[in-house]
N, C-alpha and C. Protein backbone atom coordinates (compact mmCIF):
# COMPACT_ATOMS: atom_id res chain seq x y z
N MET A 1 -5.94 -5.41 -8.45
CA MET A 1 -6.80 -5.59 -7.31
C MET A 1 -7.95 -4.61 -7.44
N ALA A 2 -9.16 -5.06 -7.13
CA ALA A 2 -10.31 -4.17 -7.17
C ALA A 2 -10.15 -3.09 -6.13
N PRO A 3 -10.52 -1.84 -6.46
CA PRO A 3 -10.31 -0.74 -5.53
C PRO A 3 -10.96 -0.93 -4.18
N SER A 4 -12.05 -1.66 -4.09
CA SER A 4 -12.73 -1.79 -2.81
C SER A 4 -12.33 -3.05 -2.04
N THR A 5 -11.34 -3.78 -2.52
CA THR A 5 -10.96 -5.04 -1.88
C THR A 5 -10.57 -4.86 -0.43
N VAL A 6 -9.71 -3.90 -0.14
CA VAL A 6 -9.24 -3.71 1.23
C VAL A 6 -10.41 -3.37 2.14
N LEU A 7 -11.32 -2.54 1.66
CA LEU A 7 -12.45 -2.14 2.48
C LEU A 7 -13.34 -3.33 2.82
N ARG A 8 -13.46 -4.30 1.91
CA ARG A 8 -14.28 -5.48 2.18
C ARG A 8 -13.68 -6.37 3.26
N TRP A 9 -12.37 -6.31 3.48
CA TRP A 9 -11.75 -7.14 4.52
C TRP A 9 -12.34 -6.81 5.87
N ARG A 10 -12.64 -5.55 6.11
CA ARG A 10 -13.19 -5.16 7.41
C ARG A 10 -14.61 -5.68 7.56
N ARG A 11 -15.36 -5.69 6.47
CA ARG A 11 -16.77 -6.06 6.54
C ARG A 11 -16.98 -7.57 6.60
N ALA A 12 -16.29 -8.30 5.75
CA ALA A 12 -16.55 -9.74 5.66
C ALA A 12 -15.26 -10.49 5.34
N PRO A 13 -14.34 -10.56 6.30
CA PRO A 13 -13.06 -11.20 6.00
C PRO A 13 -13.20 -12.66 5.60
N SER A 14 -14.22 -13.35 6.13
CA SER A 14 -14.35 -14.77 5.82
C SER A 14 -14.72 -15.00 4.35
N ARG A 15 -15.32 -14.02 3.70
CA ARG A 15 -15.72 -14.17 2.30
C ARG A 15 -14.74 -13.52 1.34
N SER A 16 -13.66 -12.99 1.84
CA SER A 16 -12.77 -12.27 0.93
C SER A 16 -11.33 -12.76 1.02
N HIS A 17 -11.17 -14.07 1.13
CA HIS A 17 -9.81 -14.61 1.22
C HIS A 17 -8.98 -14.26 -0.01
N LYS A 18 -9.61 -14.23 -1.18
CA LYS A 18 -8.87 -13.87 -2.39
C LYS A 18 -8.41 -12.42 -2.32
N GLY A 19 -9.26 -11.54 -1.83
CA GLY A 19 -8.88 -10.14 -1.67
C GLY A 19 -7.77 -9.98 -0.66
N LEU A 20 -7.85 -10.73 0.41
CA LEU A 20 -6.81 -10.69 1.44
C LEU A 20 -5.49 -11.18 0.86
N ALA A 21 -5.54 -12.24 0.07
CA ALA A 21 -4.32 -12.76 -0.56
C ALA A 21 -3.73 -11.72 -1.51
N ARG A 22 -4.58 -11.00 -2.24
CA ARG A 22 -4.08 -9.95 -3.13
C ARG A 22 -3.42 -8.84 -2.32
N GLY A 23 -4.02 -8.49 -1.19
CA GLY A 23 -3.43 -7.46 -0.33
C GLY A 23 -2.06 -7.86 0.17
N PHE A 24 -1.94 -9.10 0.63
CA PHE A 24 -0.64 -9.57 1.09
C PHE A 24 0.32 -9.73 -0.08
N GLY A 25 -0.22 -10.01 -1.27
CA GLY A 25 0.62 -10.07 -2.46
C GLY A 25 1.29 -8.73 -2.73
N LEU A 26 0.57 -7.65 -2.47
CA LEU A 26 1.17 -6.32 -2.62
C LEU A 26 2.35 -6.14 -1.68
N LEU A 27 2.29 -6.78 -0.54
CA LEU A 27 3.36 -6.65 0.45
C LEU A 27 4.49 -7.65 0.23
N SER A 28 4.34 -8.51 -0.77
CA SER A 28 5.34 -9.57 -0.98
C SER A 28 6.53 -9.12 -1.83
N ASP A 29 6.56 -7.86 -2.17
CA ASP A 29 7.65 -7.34 -3.01
C ASP A 29 8.51 -6.39 -2.19
N GLY A 30 9.81 -6.57 -2.23
CA GLY A 30 10.73 -5.75 -1.45
C GLY A 30 10.67 -4.27 -1.79
N THR A 31 10.46 -3.96 -3.07
CA THR A 31 10.37 -2.55 -3.47
C THR A 31 9.15 -1.90 -2.84
N ARG A 32 8.01 -2.59 -2.89
CA ARG A 32 6.78 -2.03 -2.31
C ARG A 32 6.90 -1.90 -0.80
N LEU A 33 7.53 -2.88 -0.15
CA LEU A 33 7.75 -2.76 1.29
C LEU A 33 8.66 -1.57 1.60
N GLY A 34 9.67 -1.37 0.77
CA GLY A 34 10.55 -0.22 0.95
C GLY A 34 9.80 1.09 0.81
N ILE A 35 8.92 1.16 -0.16
CA ILE A 35 8.11 2.37 -0.36
C ILE A 35 7.24 2.62 0.87
N LEU A 36 6.57 1.57 1.36
CA LEU A 36 5.73 1.73 2.55
C LEU A 36 6.56 2.14 3.76
N ALA A 37 7.75 1.58 3.89
CA ALA A 37 8.62 1.95 5.02
C ALA A 37 9.01 3.42 4.94
N GLU A 38 9.34 3.90 3.75
CA GLU A 38 9.70 5.32 3.58
C GLU A 38 8.50 6.22 3.86
N LEU A 39 7.33 5.81 3.36
CA LEU A 39 6.14 6.63 3.57
C LEU A 39 5.69 6.62 5.02
N SER A 40 6.06 5.58 5.77
CA SER A 40 5.69 5.55 7.19
C SER A 40 6.45 6.64 7.96
N LYS A 41 7.54 7.13 7.39
CA LYS A 41 8.32 8.21 8.01
C LYS A 41 7.70 9.57 7.73
N GLY A 42 6.84 9.64 6.72
CA GLY A 42 6.19 10.90 6.36
C GLY A 42 5.92 10.96 4.87
N PRO A 43 5.10 11.93 4.45
CA PRO A 43 4.74 12.07 3.04
C PRO A 43 5.97 12.31 2.16
N LYS A 44 5.93 11.74 0.96
CA LYS A 44 7.02 11.93 0.00
C LYS A 44 6.45 11.89 -1.41
N ASN A 45 7.11 12.61 -2.31
CA ASN A 45 6.75 12.49 -3.72
C ASN A 45 7.65 11.44 -4.37
N VAL A 46 7.43 11.20 -5.66
CA VAL A 46 8.19 10.16 -6.35
C VAL A 46 9.69 10.44 -6.29
N THR A 47 10.06 11.71 -6.46
CA THR A 47 11.49 12.06 -6.42
C THR A 47 12.10 11.74 -5.06
N GLY A 48 11.38 12.07 -3.99
CA GLY A 48 11.87 11.76 -2.65
C GLY A 48 12.02 10.27 -2.42
N LEU A 49 11.05 9.50 -2.90
CA LEU A 49 11.13 8.05 -2.77
C LEU A 49 12.26 7.49 -3.62
N ARG A 50 12.40 8.01 -4.82
CA ARG A 50 13.46 7.54 -5.72
C ARG A 50 14.83 7.74 -5.10
N LYS A 51 15.04 8.91 -4.52
CA LYS A 51 16.34 9.19 -3.90
C LYS A 51 16.57 8.34 -2.65
N ALA A 52 15.53 8.21 -1.82
CA ALA A 52 15.67 7.44 -0.58
C ALA A 52 15.93 5.97 -0.85
N LEU A 53 15.29 5.43 -1.88
CA LEU A 53 15.40 4.00 -2.18
C LEU A 53 16.45 3.69 -3.24
N LYS A 54 17.02 4.74 -3.84
CA LYS A 54 18.04 4.58 -4.89
C LYS A 54 17.51 3.71 -6.04
N LEU A 55 16.31 4.08 -6.50
CA LEU A 55 15.66 3.37 -7.61
C LEU A 55 15.38 4.35 -8.73
N LYS A 56 15.10 3.82 -9.91
CA LYS A 56 14.74 4.66 -11.05
C LYS A 56 13.28 5.09 -10.94
N GLN A 57 12.99 6.25 -11.51
CA GLN A 57 11.65 6.82 -11.43
C GLN A 57 10.57 5.88 -11.97
N PRO A 58 10.75 5.24 -13.14
CA PRO A 58 9.70 4.34 -13.62
C PRO A 58 9.40 3.19 -12.66
N THR A 59 10.43 2.69 -12.00
CA THR A 59 10.24 1.59 -11.03
C THR A 59 9.40 2.06 -9.86
N VAL A 60 9.75 3.22 -9.31
CA VAL A 60 8.99 3.76 -8.17
C VAL A 60 7.55 4.04 -8.59
N SER A 61 7.36 4.66 -9.75
CA SER A 61 6.01 4.98 -10.21
C SER A 61 5.17 3.73 -10.42
N HIS A 62 5.77 2.69 -10.98
CA HIS A 62 5.05 1.43 -11.20
C HIS A 62 4.56 0.84 -9.88
N HIS A 63 5.45 0.73 -8.91
CA HIS A 63 5.08 0.12 -7.64
C HIS A 63 4.12 1.01 -6.85
N LEU A 64 4.29 2.32 -6.94
CA LEU A 64 3.33 3.23 -6.30
C LEU A 64 1.95 3.05 -6.90
N GLY A 65 1.89 2.88 -8.22
CA GLY A 65 0.60 2.66 -8.88
C GLY A 65 -0.10 1.43 -8.35
N LEU A 66 0.64 0.36 -8.15
CA LEU A 66 0.05 -0.87 -7.61
C LEU A 66 -0.43 -0.65 -6.18
N LEU A 67 0.37 0.03 -5.37
CA LEU A 67 -0.03 0.30 -3.98
C LEU A 67 -1.24 1.22 -3.93
N ARG A 68 -1.31 2.18 -4.83
CA ARG A 68 -2.47 3.08 -4.87
C ARG A 68 -3.71 2.32 -5.32
N MET A 69 -3.57 1.46 -6.32
CA MET A 69 -4.70 0.68 -6.79
C MET A 69 -5.22 -0.23 -5.68
N GLY A 70 -4.32 -0.75 -4.87
CA GLY A 70 -4.70 -1.60 -3.74
C GLY A 70 -5.11 -0.81 -2.51
N ARG A 71 -5.13 0.50 -2.64
CA ARG A 71 -5.54 1.42 -1.57
C ARG A 71 -4.69 1.32 -0.31
N LEU A 72 -3.42 1.02 -0.48
CA LEU A 72 -2.50 1.02 0.65
C LEU A 72 -1.72 2.33 0.71
N VAL A 73 -1.78 3.09 -0.40
CA VAL A 73 -1.11 4.39 -0.49
C VAL A 73 -2.08 5.38 -1.13
N ASN A 74 -2.06 6.61 -0.64
CA ASN A 74 -2.85 7.69 -1.22
C ASN A 74 -1.92 8.69 -1.88
N GLY A 75 -2.40 9.37 -2.90
CA GLY A 75 -1.63 10.42 -3.55
C GLY A 75 -2.45 11.69 -3.66
N GLU A 76 -1.80 12.81 -3.39
CA GLU A 76 -2.47 14.11 -3.50
C GLU A 76 -1.59 15.04 -4.33
N ARG A 77 -2.19 15.60 -5.38
CA ARG A 77 -1.43 16.49 -6.25
C ARG A 77 -1.16 17.80 -5.53
N GLN A 78 0.11 18.20 -5.54
CA GLN A 78 0.54 19.48 -4.99
C GLN A 78 1.42 20.13 -6.05
N GLY A 79 0.83 21.02 -6.82
CA GLY A 79 1.54 21.61 -7.95
C GLY A 79 1.77 20.56 -9.01
N LYS A 80 3.02 20.39 -9.43
CA LYS A 80 3.35 19.39 -10.45
C LYS A 80 3.61 18.01 -9.86
N ALA A 81 3.80 17.95 -8.57
CA ALA A 81 4.15 16.68 -7.92
C ALA A 81 2.93 16.04 -7.27
N VAL A 82 2.98 14.73 -7.13
CA VAL A 82 1.98 13.99 -6.36
C VAL A 82 2.67 13.53 -5.08
N VAL A 83 2.14 13.99 -3.95
CA VAL A 83 2.70 13.62 -2.66
C VAL A 83 1.94 12.41 -2.14
N CYS A 84 2.68 11.38 -1.77
CA CYS A 84 2.09 10.11 -1.36
C CYS A 84 2.18 9.93 0.15
N THR A 85 1.17 9.27 0.69
CA THR A 85 1.13 8.91 2.11
C THR A 85 0.58 7.49 2.21
N THR A 86 0.84 6.83 3.32
CA THR A 86 0.24 5.51 3.53
C THR A 86 -1.23 5.70 3.87
N ASP A 87 -2.05 4.73 3.50
CA ASP A 87 -3.46 4.74 3.89
C ASP A 87 -3.55 3.93 5.18
N LYS A 88 -3.48 4.65 6.28
CA LYS A 88 -3.42 3.99 7.59
C LYS A 88 -4.64 3.12 7.86
N THR A 89 -5.80 3.56 7.43
CA THR A 89 -7.03 2.79 7.66
C THR A 89 -6.95 1.43 7.00
N ASN A 90 -6.55 1.40 5.74
CA ASN A 90 -6.50 0.13 5.02
C ASN A 90 -5.32 -0.74 5.44
N LEU A 91 -4.20 -0.13 5.82
CA LEU A 91 -3.09 -0.93 6.35
C LEU A 91 -3.48 -1.57 7.68
N LYS A 92 -4.21 -0.82 8.51
CA LYS A 92 -4.68 -1.39 9.78
C LYS A 92 -5.68 -2.51 9.53
N ALA A 93 -6.54 -2.34 8.52
CA ALA A 93 -7.51 -3.39 8.19
C ALA A 93 -6.79 -4.66 7.75
N LEU A 94 -5.73 -4.51 6.99
CA LEU A 94 -4.94 -5.66 6.55
C LEU A 94 -4.28 -6.35 7.74
N ALA A 95 -3.70 -5.56 8.64
CA ALA A 95 -3.08 -6.12 9.85
C ALA A 95 -4.12 -6.81 10.73
N SER A 96 -5.29 -6.21 10.83
CA SER A 96 -6.36 -6.78 11.64
C SER A 96 -6.84 -8.11 11.04
N ALA A 97 -6.94 -8.17 9.72
CA ALA A 97 -7.35 -9.42 9.07
C ALA A 97 -6.33 -10.51 9.33
N LEU A 98 -5.06 -10.17 9.31
CA LEU A 98 -4.01 -11.14 9.61
C LEU A 98 -4.11 -11.60 11.07
N ALA A 99 -4.36 -10.67 11.97
CA ALA A 99 -4.47 -11.02 13.39
C ALA A 99 -5.62 -11.99 13.63
N ARG A 100 -6.72 -11.84 12.87
CA ARG A 100 -7.86 -12.75 13.03
C ARG A 100 -7.52 -14.17 12.58
N LEU A 101 -6.49 -14.33 11.77
CA LEU A 101 -6.09 -15.66 11.31
C LEU A 101 -5.18 -16.38 12.31
N MET A 102 -4.67 -15.64 13.28
CA MET A 102 -3.76 -16.22 14.28
C MET A 102 -4.55 -17.08 15.26
N PRO A 103 -3.98 -18.22 15.68
CA PRO A 103 -4.66 -19.06 16.68
C PRO A 103 -4.75 -18.32 18.01
N LYS A 104 -5.80 -18.64 18.73
CA LYS A 104 -6.01 -17.98 20.04
C LYS A 104 -5.39 -18.76 21.15
């Protein structure tokens, strides 16, 4: 997914259906939803996510990479670890785009 895809949803949702579909595609995987659910409880590094989700490190890192590329998760280096958080702005933009698709 292009790094600016989520940001374009707020500006012109009618012209970015493909970007919106890619964003929802990121949410269509149980592992990625699990990661987002854990991060909604607070910041965690890969080790914390791995233990909470009972997954192997490469699996967590792979899915985190996809979520970061889609700008749904942010990472900040703290020493040797990267601490991840949800990107609330872009998750809200995704939810808002979905709400605009609902009938009135």
